[in-house]
């Protein structure tokens, strides 16, 4: 697994960050005040979680005057999708071989 995938796994391992990311995926762009109300934690804690998500490439920010709006960056999940794709191919091959074996045993 590459460093990028490791970083994304570490980032999303935290339940609060995962909840913020999922909220942004479902609800779209939100400012820190709204995310603070949603998460039930302090504004500094939300800001810290957002900076970790941004560093991992999972959110982007858009300054607007004194507020900053955050939105999910689904493309940031690409390294995880690639990683899971390797295992999908691995298991498909294994199941195909098992199916072949079972078919031969039935004959």
PDB file of N, CA and C in Angstrom:
ATOM      1  N   UNK A   1       0.858  -1.173   0.000  1.00  0.00           N
ATOM      2  CA  UNK A   1       0.000   0.000   0.000  1.00  0.00           C
ATOM      3  C   UNK A   1       0.903   1.234   0.000  1.00  0.00           C
ATOM      4  N   UNK A   2       0.546   2.224  -0.801  1.00  0.00           N
ATOM      5  CA  UNK A   2       1.387   3.416  -0.873  1.00  0.00           C
ATOM      6  C   UNK A   2       1.083   4.371   0.279  1.00  0.00           C
ATOM      7  N   UNK A   3       1.953   5.362   0.419  1.00  0.00           N
ATOM      8  CA  UNK A   3       1.839   6.317   1.529  1.00  0.00           C
ATOM      9  C   UNK A   3       0.530   7.094   1.474  1.00  0.00           C
ATOM     10  N   UNK A   4       0.039   7.386   0.272  1.00  0.00           N
ATOM     11  CA  UNK A   4      -1.205   8.134   0.143  1.00  0.00           C
ATOM     12  C   UNK A   4      -2.380   7.337   0.697  1.00  0.00           C
ATOM     13  N   UNK A   5      -2.460   6.073   0.352  1.00  0.00           N
ATOM     14  CA  UNK A   5      -3.534   5.233   0.872  1.00  0.00           C
ATOM     15  C   UNK A   5      -3.411   5.107   2.387  1.00  0.00           C
ATOM     16  N   UNK A   6      -2.198   4.949   2.889  1.00  0.00           N
ATOM     17  CA  UNK A   6      -1.990   4.891   4.341  1.00  0.00           C
ATOM     18  C   UNK A   6      -2.518   6.147   5.011  1.00  0.00           C
ATOM     19  N   UNK A   7      -2.205   7.290   4.431  1.00  0.00           N
ATOM     20  CA  UNK A   7      -2.644   8.574   4.988  1.00  0.00           C
ATOM     21  C   UNK A   7      -4.166   8.668   5.007  1.00  0.00           C
ATOM     22  N   UNK A   8      -4.811   8.222   3.952  1.00  0.00           N
ATOM     23  CA  UNK A   8      -6.272   8.281   3.886  1.00  0.00           C
ATOM     24  C   UNK A   8      -6.886   7.327   4.906  1.00  0.00           C
ATOM     25  N   UNK A   9      -6.333   6.122   5.034  1.00  0.00           N
ATOM     26  CA  UNK A   9      -6.842   5.192   6.042  1.00  0.00           C
ATOM     27  C   UNK A   9      -6.692   5.775   7.447  1.00  0.00           C
ATOM     28  N   UNK A  10      -5.528   6.353   7.742  1.00  0.00           N
ATOM     29  CA  UNK A  10      -5.323   6.956   9.066  1.00  0.00           C
ATOM     30  C   UNK A  10      -6.295   8.104   9.296  1.00  0.00           C
ATOM     31  N   UNK A  11      -6.509   8.906   8.277  1.00  0.00           N
ATOM     32  CA  UNK A  11      -7.410  10.050   8.401  1.00  0.00           C
ATOM     33  C   UNK A  11      -8.838   9.593   8.674  1.00  0.00           C
ATOM     34  N   UNK A  12      -9.307   8.624   7.917  1.00  0.00           N
ATOM     35  CA  UNK A  12     -10.687   8.164   8.060  1.00  0.00           C
ATOM     36  C   UNK A  12     -10.882   7.187   9.214  1.00  0.00           C
ATOM     37  N   UNK A  13      -9.790   6.760   9.857  1.00  0.00           N
ATOM     38  CA  UNK A  13      -9.917   5.875  11.018  1.00  0.00           C
ATOM     39  C   UNK A  13     -10.552   6.597  12.198  1.00  0.00           C
ATOM     40  N   UNK A  14     -10.409   7.913  12.238  1.00  0.00           N
ATOM     41  CA  UNK A  14     -11.013   8.685  13.322  1.00  0.00           C
ATOM     42  C   UNK A  14     -12.511   8.834  13.054  1.00  0.00           C
ATOM     43  N   UNK A  15     -13.370   8.409  13.985  1.00  0.00           N
ATOM     44  CA  UNK A  15     -14.812   8.454  13.735  1.00  0.00           C
ATOM     45  C   UNK A  15     -15.363   9.865  13.528  1.00  0.00           C
ATOM     46  N   UNK A  16     -14.785  10.849  14.189  1.00  0.00           N
ATOM     47  CA  UNK A  16     -15.263  12.230  14.012  1.00  0.00           C
ATOM     48  C   UNK A  16     -14.934  12.734  12.620  1.00  0.00           C
ATOM     49  N   UNK A  17     -13.702  12.491  12.163  1.00  0.00           N
ATOM     50  CA  UNK A  17     -13.330  12.922  10.803  1.00  0.00           C
ATOM     51  C   UNK A  17     -14.170  12.194   9.769  1.00  0.00           C
ATOM     52  N   UNK A  18     -14.379  10.902   9.990  1.00  0.00           N
ATOM     53  CA  UNK A  18     -15.195  10.127   9.045  1.00  0.00           C
ATOM     54  C   UNK A  18     -16.615  10.683   8.994  1.00  0.00           C
ATOM     55  N   UNK A  19     -17.171  11.031  10.149  1.00  0.00           N
ATOM     56  CA  UNK A  19     -18.530  11.591  10.199  1.00  0.00           C
ATOM     57  C   UNK A  19     -18.593  12.940   9.493  1.00  0.00           C
ATOM     58  N   UNK A  20     -17.588  13.781   9.689  1.00  0.00           N
ATOM     59  CA  UNK A  20     -17.555  15.087   9.012  1.00  0.00           C
ATOM     60  C   UNK A  20     -17.470  14.886   7.501  1.00  0.00           C
ATOM     61  N   UNK A  21     -16.600  13.988   7.064  1.00  0.00           N
ATOM     62  CA  UNK A  21     -16.451  13.717   5.634  1.00  0.00           C
ATOM     63  C   UNK A  21     -17.773  13.200   5.057  1.00  0.00           C
ATOM     64  N   UNK A  22     -18.399  12.236   5.737  1.00  0.00           N
ATOM     65  CA  UNK A  22     -19.666  11.688   5.255  1.00  0.00           C
ATOM     66  C   UNK A  22     -20.757  12.754   5.223  1.00  0.00           C
ATOM     67  N   UNK A  23     -20.772  13.625   6.218  1.00  0.00           N
ATOM     68  CA  UNK A  23     -21.751  14.717   6.257  1.00  0.00           C
ATOM     69  C   UNK A  23     -21.558  15.638   5.047  1.00  0.00           C
ATOM     70  N   UNK A  24     -20.315  15.977   4.766  1.00  0.00           N
ATOM     71  CA  UNK A  24     -20.039  16.834   3.603  1.00  0.00           C
ATOM     72  C   UNK A  24     -20.409  16.137   2.301  1.00  0.00           C
ATOM     73  N   UNK A  25     -20.217  14.826   2.235  1.00  0.00           N
ATOM     74  CA  UNK A  25     -20.599  14.082   1.029  1.00  0.00           C
ATOM     75  C   UNK A  25     -22.114  14.153   0.826  1.00  0.00           C
ATOM     76  N   UNK A  26     -22.870  14.007   1.903  1.00  0.00           N
ATOM     77  CA  UNK A  26     -24.332  13.990   1.806  1.00  0.00           C
ATOM     78  C   UNK A  26     -24.933  15.381   1.661  1.00  0.00           C
ATOM     79  N   UNK A  27     -24.435  16.328   2.430  1.00  0.00           N
ATOM     80  CA  UNK A  27     -25.064  17.647   2.517  1.00  0.00           C
ATOM     81  C   UNK A  27     -24.442  18.701   1.606  1.00  0.00           C
ATOM     82  N   UNK A  28     -23.279  18.428   1.065  1.00  0.00           N
ATOM     83  CA  UNK A  28     -22.614  19.420   0.227  1.00  0.00           C
ATOM     84  C   UNK A  28     -21.841  20.423   1.069  1.00  0.00           C
ATOM     85  N   UNK A  29     -21.505  21.519   0.459  1.00  0.00           N
ATOM     86  CA  UNK A  29     -20.655  22.530   1.083  1.00  0.00           C
ATOM     87  C   UNK A  29     -21.252  23.050   2.396  1.00  0.00           C
ATOM     88  N   UNK A  30     -20.388  23.161   3.418  1.00  0.00           N
ATOM     89  CA  UNK A  30     -20.801  23.643   4.736  1.00  0.00           C
ATOM     90  C   UNK A  30     -19.699  24.531   5.306  1.00  0.00           C
ATOM     91  N   UNK A  31     -20.096  25.504   6.137  1.00  0.00           N
ATOM     92  CA  UNK A  31     -19.071  26.299   6.810  1.00  0.00           C
ATOM     93  C   UNK A  31     -18.769  25.669   8.172  1.00  0.00           C
ATOM     94  N   UNK A  32     -17.734  26.172   8.839  1.00  0.00           N
ATOM     95  CA  UNK A  32     -17.275  25.595  10.099  1.00  0.00           C
ATOM     96  C   UNK A  32     -18.364  25.684  11.171  1.00  0.00           C
ATOM     97  N   UNK A  33     -19.115  26.757  11.200  1.00  0.00           N
ATOM     98  CA  UNK A  33     -20.171  26.908  12.206  1.00  0.00           C
ATOM     99  C   UNK A  33     -21.192  25.780  12.087  1.00  0.00           C
ATOM    100  N   UNK A  34     -21.631  25.501  10.871  1.00  0.00           N
ATOM    101  CA  UNK A  34     -22.610  24.436  10.646  1.00  0.00           C
ATOM    102  C   UNK A  34     -22.014  23.079  11.020  1.00  0.00           C
ATOM    103  N   UNK A  35     -20.763  22.850  10.635  1.00  0.00           N
ATOM    104  CA  UNK A  35     -20.115  21.581  10.959  1.00  0.00           C
ATOM    105  C   UNK A  35     -19.921  21.422  12.459  1.00  0.00           C
ATOM    106  N   UNK A  36     -19.675  22.524  13.157  1.00  0.00           N
ATOM    107  CA  UNK A  36     -19.534  22.482  14.618  1.00  0.00           C
ATOM    108  C   UNK A  36     -20.858  22.096  15.258  1.00  0.00           C
ATOM    109  N   UNK A  37     -21.955  22.701  14.800  1.00  0.00           N
ATOM    110  CA  UNK A  37     -23.282  22.349  15.317  1.00  0.00           C
ATOM    111  C   UNK A  37     -23.599  20.884  15.049  1.00  0.00           C
ATOM    112  N   UNK A  38     -23.272  20.414  13.858  1.00  0.00           N
ATOM    113  CA  UNK A  38     -23.556  19.035  13.482  1.00  0.00           C
ATOM    114  C   UNK A  38     -22.752  18.048  14.335  1.00  0.00           C
ATOM    115  N   UNK A  39     -21.457  18.325  14.503  1.00  0.00           N
ATOM    116  CA  UNK A  39     -20.567  17.352  15.139  1.00  0.00           C
ATOM    117  C   UNK A  39     -20.678  17.321  16.656  1.00  0.00           C
ATOM    118  N   UNK A  40     -21.097  18.436  17.246  1.00  0.00           N
ATOM    119  CA  UNK A  40     -21.214  18.475  18.694  1.00  0.00           C
ATOM    120  C   UNK A  40     -19.892  18.608  19.422  1.00  0.00           C
ATOM    121  N   UNK A  41     -18.855  18.997  18.711  1.00  0.00           N
ATOM    122  CA  UNK A  41     -17.552  19.252  19.344  1.00  0.00           C
ATOM    123  C   UNK A  41     -17.195  20.719  19.137  1.00  0.00           C
ATOM    124  N   UNK A  42     -16.126  21.157  19.758  1.00  0.00           N
ATOM    125  CA  UNK A  42     -15.760  22.571  19.704  1.00  0.00           C
ATOM    126  C   UNK A  42     -15.322  22.991  18.309  1.00  0.00           C
ATOM    127  N   UNK A  43     -15.422  24.280  18.046  1.00  0.00           N
ATOM    128  CA  UNK A  43     -15.004  24.826  16.748  1.00  0.00           C
ATOM    129  C   UNK A  43     -13.520  24.574  16.496  1.00  0.00           C
ATOM    130  N   UNK A  44     -12.626  24.775  17.489  1.00  0.00           N
ATOM    131  CA  UNK A  44     -11.211  24.464  17.219  1.00  0.00           C
ATOM    132  C   UNK A  44     -10.988  22.988  16.860  1.00  0.00           C
ATOM    133  N   UNK A  45     -11.745  22.088  17.501  1.00  0.00           N
ATOM    134  CA  UNK A  45     -11.595  20.663  17.183  1.00  0.00           C
ATOM    135  C   UNK A  45     -12.077  20.370  15.762  1.00  0.00           C
ATOM    136  N   UNK A  46     -13.194  20.973  15.369  1.00  0.00           N
ATOM    137  CA  UNK A  46     -13.695  20.796  13.995  1.00  0.00           C
ATOM    138  C   UNK A  46     -12.662  21.322  13.002  1.00  0.00           C
ATOM    139  N   UNK A  47     -12.105  22.493  13.279  1.00  0.00           N
ATOM    140  CA  UNK A  47     -11.102  23.074  12.378  1.00  0.00           C
ATOM    141  C   UNK A  47      -9.882  22.169  12.251  1.00  0.00           C
ATOM    142  N   UNK A  48      -9.460  21.566  13.355  1.00  0.00           N
ATOM    143  CA  UNK A  48      -8.318  20.659  13.308  1.00  0.00           C
ATOM    144  C   UNK A  48      -8.651  19.434  12.453  1.00  0.00           C
ATOM    145  N   UNK A  49      -9.835  18.858  12.659  1.00  0.00           N
ATOM    146  CA  UNK A  49     -10.229  17.699  11.853  1.00  0.00           C
ATOM    147  C   UNK A  49     -10.314  18.069  10.369  1.00  0.00           C
ATOM    148  N   UNK A  50     -10.829  19.253  10.075  1.00  0.00           N
ATOM    149  CA  UNK A  50     -10.914  19.689   8.678  1.00  0.00           C
ATOM    150  C   UNK A  50      -9.529  19.857   8.065  1.00  0.00           C
ATOM    151  N   UNK A  51      -8.574  20.353   8.838  1.00  0.00           N
ATOM    152  CA  UNK A  51      -7.223  20.523   8.287  1.00  0.00           C
ATOM    153  C   UNK A  51      -6.587  19.164   7.989  1.00  0.00           C
ATOM    154  N   UNK A  52      -6.856  18.155   8.828  1.00  0.00           N
ATOM    155  CA  UNK A  52      -6.340  16.806   8.565  1.00  0.00           C
ATOM    156  C   UNK A  52      -7.002  16.233   7.310  1.00  0.00           C
ATOM    157  N   UNK A  53      -8.322  16.408   7.188  1.00  0.00           N
ATOM    158  CA  UNK A  53      -9.028  15.942   5.993  1.00  0.00           C
ATOM    159  C   UNK A  53      -8.520  16.644   4.736  1.00  0.00           C
ATOM    160  N   UNK A  54      -8.254  17.929   4.855  1.00  0.00           N
ATOM    161  CA  UNK A  54      -7.749  18.687   3.706  1.00  0.00           C
ATOM    162  C   UNK A  54      -6.349  18.208   3.318  1.00  0.00           C
ATOM    163  N   UNK A  55      -5.500  17.982   4.307  1.00  0.00           N
ATOM    164  CA  UNK A  55      -4.143  17.503   4.051  1.00  0.00           C
ATOM    165  C   UNK A  55      -4.163  16.148   3.343  1.00  0.00           C
ATOM    166  N   UNK A  56      -5.145  15.311   3.666  1.00  0.00           N
ATOM    167  CA  UNK A  56      -5.271  14.002   3.024  1.00  0.00           C
ATOM    168  C   UNK A  56      -5.933  14.089   1.649  1.00  0.00           C
ATOM    169  N   UNK A  57      -6.386  15.285   1.268  1.00  0.00           N
ATOM    170  CA  UNK A  57      -7.014  15.458  -0.045  1.00  0.00           C
ATOM    171  C   UNK A  57      -8.483  15.066  -0.079  1.00  0.00           C
ATOM    172  N   UNK A  58      -9.112  14.986   1.099  1.00  0.00           N
ATOM    173  CA  UNK A  58     -10.501  14.543   1.159  1.00  0.00           C
ATOM    174  C   UNK A  58     -11.507  15.685   1.228  1.00  0.00           C
ATOM    175  N   UNK A  59     -11.052  16.887   1.542  1.00  0.00           N
ATOM    176  CA  UNK A  59     -11.920  18.068   1.503  1.00  0.00           C
ATOM    177  C   UNK A  59     -11.165  19.216   0.853  1.00  0.00           C
ATOM    178  N   UNK A  60     -11.931  20.152   0.349  1.00  0.00           N
ATOM    179  CA  UNK A  60     -11.349  21.391  -0.180  1.00  0.00           C
ATOM    180  C   UNK A  60     -12.070  22.547   0.498  1.00  0.00           C
ATOM    181  N   UNK A  61     -11.391  23.670   0.557  1.00  0.00           N
ATOM    182  CA  UNK A  61     -11.997  24.827   1.200  1.00  0.00           C
ATOM    183  C   UNK A  61     -12.161  25.962   0.208  1.00  0.00           C
ATOM    184  N   UNK A  62     -13.119  26.837   0.529  1.00  0.00           N
ATOM    185  CA  UNK A  62     -13.384  28.007  -0.300  1.00  0.00           C
ATOM    186  C   UNK A  62     -13.612  29.193   0.630  1.00  0.00           C
ATOM    187  N   UNK A  63     -12.612  30.074   0.717  1.00  0.00           N
ATOM    188  CA  UNK A  63     -12.789  31.269   1.552  1.00  0.00           C
ATOM    189  C   UNK A  63     -13.877  32.169   0.964  1.00  0.00           C
ATOM    190  N   UNK A  64     -14.676  32.752   1.858  1.00  0.00           N
ATOM    191  CA  UNK A  64     -15.734  33.676   1.458  1.00  0.00           C
ATOM    192  C   UNK A  64     -15.841  34.730   2.556  1.00  0.00           C
ATOM    193  N   UNK A  65     -15.100  35.799   2.394  1.00  0.00           N
ATOM    194  CA  UNK A  65     -15.063  36.831   3.433  1.00  0.00           C
ATOM    195  C   UNK A  65     -14.421  36.272   4.688  1.00  0.00           C
ATOM    196  N   UNK A  66     -15.133  36.387   5.807  1.00  0.00           N
ATOM    197  CA  UNK A  66     -14.595  35.895   7.079  1.00  0.00           C
ATOM    198  C   UNK A  66     -14.891  34.422   7.323  1.00  0.00           C
ATOM    199  N   UNK A  67     -15.630  33.812   6.438  1.00  0.00           N
ATOM    200  CA  UNK A  67     -15.970  32.397   6.593  1.00  0.00           C
ATOM    201  C   UNK A  67     -15.229  31.557   5.565  1.00  0.00           C
ATOM    202  N   UNK A  68     -15.057  30.309   5.906  1.00  0.00           N
ATOM    203  CA  UNK A  68     -14.508  29.336   4.968  1.00  0.00           C
ATOM    204  C   UNK A  68     -15.514  28.216   4.832  1.00  0.00           C
ATOM    205  N   UNK A  69     -15.792  27.863   3.604  1.00  0.00           N
ATOM    206  CA  UNK A  69     -16.736  26.785   3.308  1.00  0.00           C
ATOM    207  C   UNK A  69     -15.938  25.558   2.885  1.00  0.00           C
ATOM    208  N   UNK A  70     -16.388  24.414   3.360  1.00  0.00           N
ATOM    209  CA  UNK A  70     -15.706  23.156   3.066  1.00  0.00           C
ATOM    210  C   UNK A  70     -16.641  22.237   2.299  1.00  0.00           C
ATOM    211  N   UNK A  71     -16.049  21.473   1.389  1.00  0.00           N
ATOM    212  CA  UNK A  71     -16.812  20.473   0.653  1.00  0.00           C
ATOM    213  C   UNK A  71     -15.956  19.217   0.506  1.00  0.00           C
ATOM    214  N   UNK A  72     -16.633  18.081   0.382  1.00  0.00           N
ATOM    215  CA  UNK A  72     -15.942  16.807   0.220  1.00  0.00           C
ATOM    216  C   UNK A  72     -15.274  16.760  -1.149  1.00  0.00           C
ATOM    217  N   UNK A  73     -14.162  16.077  -1.202  1.00  0.00           N
ATOM    218  CA  UNK A  73     -13.429  15.873  -2.449  1.00  0.00           C
ATOM    219  C   UNK A  73     -13.401  14.365  -2.710  1.00  0.00           C
ATOM    220  N   UNK A  74     -14.452  13.835  -3.378  1.00  0.00           N
ATOM    221  CA  UNK A  74     -14.533  12.381  -3.598  1.00  0.00           C
ATOM    222  C   UNK A  74     -13.332  11.804  -4.339  1.00  0.00           C
ATOM    223  N   UNK A  75     -12.700  12.598  -5.189  1.00  0.00           N
ATOM    224  CA  UNK A  75     -11.530  12.108  -5.924  1.00  0.00           C
ATOM    225  C   UNK A  75     -10.395  11.743  -4.978  1.00  0.00           C
ATOM    226  N   UNK A  76     -10.435  12.292  -3.770  1.00  0.00           N
ATOM    227  CA  UNK A  76      -9.415  11.965  -2.778  1.00  0.00           C
ATOM    228  C   UNK A  76      -9.442  10.507  -2.351  1.00  0.00           C
ATOM    229  N   UNK A  77     -10.557   9.833  -2.614  1.00  0.00           N
ATOM    230  CA  UNK A  77     -10.678   8.417  -2.258  1.00  0.00           C
ATOM    231  C   UNK A  77     -10.071   7.490  -3.317  1.00  0.00           C
ATOM    232  N   UNK A  78      -9.610   8.034  -4.419  1.00  0.00           N
ATOM    233  CA  UNK A  78      -9.091   7.221  -5.529  1.00  0.00           C
ATOM    234  C   UNK A  78      -8.021   6.213  -5.096  1.00  0.00           C
ATOM    235  N   UNK A  79      -7.047   6.589  -4.251  1.00  0.00           N
ATOM    236  CA  UNK A  79      -6.058   5.582  -3.839  1.00  0.00           C
ATOM    237  C   UNK A  79      -6.681   4.388  -3.103  1.00  0.00           C
ATOM    238  N   UNK A  80      -7.738   4.625  -2.339  1.00  0.00           N
ATOM    239  CA  UNK A  80      -8.408   3.518  -1.643  1.00  0.00           C
ATOM    240  C   UNK A  80      -9.157   2.637  -2.630  1.00  0.00           C
ATOM    241  N   UNK A  81      -9.784   3.258  -3.607  1.00  0.00           N
ATOM    242  CA  UNK A  81     -10.513   2.504  -4.622  1.00  0.00           C
ATOM    243  C   UNK A  81      -9.537   1.633  -5.412  1.00  0.00           C
ATOM    244  N   UNK A  82      -8.375   2.196  -5.754  1.00  0.00           N
ATOM    245  CA  UNK A  82      -7.345   1.421  -6.464  1.00  0.00           C
ATOM    246  C   UNK A  82      -6.877   0.242  -5.612  1.00  0.00           C
ATOM    247  N   UNK A  83      -6.645   0.497  -4.329  1.00  0.00           N
ATOM    248  CA  UNK A  83      -6.177  -0.540  -3.411  1.00  0.00           C
ATOM    249  C   UNK A  83      -7.213  -1.654  -3.294  1.00  0.00           C
ATOM    250  N   UNK A  84      -8.479  -1.275  -3.142  1.00  0.00           N
ATOM    251  CA  UNK A  84      -9.541  -2.280  -3.020  1.00  0.00           C
ATOM    252  C   UNK A  84      -9.731  -3.037  -4.328  1.00  0.00           C
ATOM    253  N   UNK A  85      -9.479  -2.379  -5.450  1.00  0.00           N
ATOM    254  CA  UNK A  85      -9.595  -3.041  -6.742  1.00  0.00           C
ATOM    255  C   UNK A  85      -8.634  -4.210  -6.882  1.00  0.00           C
ATOM    256  N   UNK A  86      -7.438  -4.064  -6.307  1.00  0.00           N
ATOM    257  CA  UNK A  86      -6.468  -5.164  -6.340  1.00  0.00           C
ATOM    258  C   UNK A  86      -7.025  -6.385  -5.617  1.00  0.00           C
ATOM    259  N   UNK A  87      -7.656  -6.160  -4.489  1.00  0.00           N
ATOM    260  CA  UNK A  87      -8.212  -7.274  -3.736  1.00  0.00           C
ATOM    261  C   UNK A  87      -9.473  -7.824  -4.379  1.00  0.00           C
ATOM    262  N   UNK A  88     -10.216  -6.984  -5.055  1.00  0.00           N
ATOM    263  CA  UNK A  88     -11.392  -7.469  -5.784  1.00  0.00           C
ATOM    264  C   UNK A  88     -10.983  -8.463  -6.851  1.00  0.00           C
ATOM    265  N   UNK A  89      -9.928  -8.142  -7.597  1.00  0.00           N
ATOM    266  CA  UNK A  89      -9.438  -9.046  -8.639  1.00  0.00           C
ATOM    267  C   UNK A  89      -8.916 -10.341  -8.014  1.00  0.00           C
ATOM    268  N   UNK A  90      -8.210 -10.220  -6.899  1.00  0.00           N
ATOM    269  CA  UNK A  90      -7.686 -11.386  -6.200  1.00  0.00           C
ATOM    270  C   UNK A  90      -8.814 -12.333  -5.813  1.00  0.00           C
ATOM    271  N   UNK A  91      -9.877 -11.812  -5.191  1.00  0.00           N
ATOM    272  CA  UNK A  91     -10.972 -12.664  -4.733  1.00  0.00           C
ATOM    273  C   UNK A  91     -11.802 -13.194  -5.889  1.00  0.00           C
ATOM    274  N   UNK A  92     -11.983 -12.409  -6.946  1.00  0.00           N
ATOM    275  CA  UNK A  92     -12.714 -12.922  -8.117  1.00  0.00           C
ATOM    276  C   UNK A  92     -12.012 -14.154  -8.678  1.00  0.00           C
ATOM    277  N   UNK A  93     -10.689 -14.061  -8.795  1.00  0.00           N
ATOM    278  CA  UNK A  93      -9.911 -15.195  -9.307  1.00  0.00           C
ATOM    279  C   UNK A  93     -10.057 -16.405  -8.387  1.00  0.00           C
ATOM    280  N   UNK A  94      -9.995 -16.203  -7.093  1.00  0.00           N
ATOM    281  CA  UNK A  94     -10.131 -17.301  -6.134  1.00  0.00           C
ATOM    282  C   UNK A  94     -11.511 -17.956  -6.225  1.00  0.00           C
ATOM    283  N   UNK A  95     -12.548 -17.142  -6.306  1.00  0.00           N
ATOM    284  CA  UNK A  95     -13.900 -17.696  -6.400  1.00  0.00           C
ATOM    285  C   UNK A  95     -14.105 -18.424  -7.722  1.00  0.00           C
ATOM    286  N   UNK A  96     -13.526 -17.908  -8.806  1.00  0.00           N
ATOM    287  CA  UNK A  96     -13.629 -18.601 -10.095  1.00  0.00           C
ATOM    288  C   UNK A  96     -12.965 -19.972 -10.006  1.00  0.00           C
ATOM    289  N   UNK A  97     -11.804 -20.038  -9.368  1.00  0.00           N
ATOM    290  CA  UNK A  97     -11.102 -21.315  -9.217  1.00  0.00           C
ATOM    291  C   UNK A  97     -11.910 -22.268  -8.338  1.00  0.00           C
ATOM    292  N   UNK A  98     -12.518 -21.750  -7.285  1.00  0.00           N
ATOM    293  CA  UNK A  98     -13.351 -22.583  -6.414  1.00  0.00           C
ATOM    294  C   UNK A  98     -14.556 -23.119  -7.182  1.00  0.00           C
ATOM    295  N   UNK A  99     -15.178 -22.257  -7.959  1.00  0.00           N
ATOM    296  CA  UNK A  99     -16.333 -22.681  -8.761  1.00  0.00           C
ATOM    297  C   UNK A  99     -15.937 -23.785  -9.737  1.00  0.00           C
ATOM    298  N   UNK A 100     -14.776 -23.631 -10.390  1.00  0.00           N
ATOM    299  CA  UNK A 100     -14.291 -24.663 -11.302  1.00  0.00           C
ATOM    300  C   UNK A 100     -14.081 -25.989 -10.565  1.00  0.00           C
ATOM    301  N   UNK A 101     -13.488 -25.928  -9.397  1.00  0.00           N
ATOM    302  CA  UNK A 101     -13.253 -27.131  -8.605  1.00  0.00           C
ATOM    303  C   UNK A 101     -14.566 -27.801  -8.222  1.00  0.00           C
ATOM    304  N   UNK A 102     -15.526 -27.022  -7.771  1.00  0.00           N
ATOM    305  CA  UNK A 102     -16.826 -27.568  -7.380  1.00  0.00           C
ATOM    306  C   UNK A 102     -17.546 -28.200  -8.577  1.00  0.00           C
ATOM    307  N   UNK A 103     -17.442 -27.560  -9.736  1.00  0.00           N
ATOM    308  CA  UNK A 103     -18.043 -28.120 -10.949  1.00  0.00           C
ATOM    309  C   UNK A 103     -17.402 -29.454 -11.316  1.00  0.00           C
ATOM    310  N   UNK A 104     -16.091 -29.536 -11.198  1.00  0.00           N
ATOM    311  CA  UNK A 104     -15.394 -30.802 -11.503  1.00  0.00           C
ATOM    312  C   UNK A 104     -15.773 -31.886 -10.502  1.00  0.00           C
ATOM    313  N   UNK A 105     -15.980 -31.503  -9.249  1.00  0.00           N
ATOM    314  CA  UNK A 105     -16.351 -32.487  -8.214  1.00  0.00           C
ATOM    315  C   UNK A 105     -17.767 -33.033  -8.451  1.00  0.00           C
ATOM    316  N   UNK A 106     -18.655 -32.184  -9.016  1.00  0.00           N
ATOM    317  CA  UNK A 106     -20.028 -32.617  -9.291  1.00  0.00           C
ATOM    318  C   UNK A 106     -20.087 -33.610 -10.455  1.00  0.00           C
ATOM    319  N   UNK A 107     -19.117 -33.575 -11.326  1.00  0.00           N
ATOM    320  CA  UNK A 107     -19.171 -34.419 -12.537  1.00  0.00           C
ATOM    321  C   UNK A 107     -18.719 -35.806 -12.274  1.00  0.00           C
TER     322      UNK A 107
END
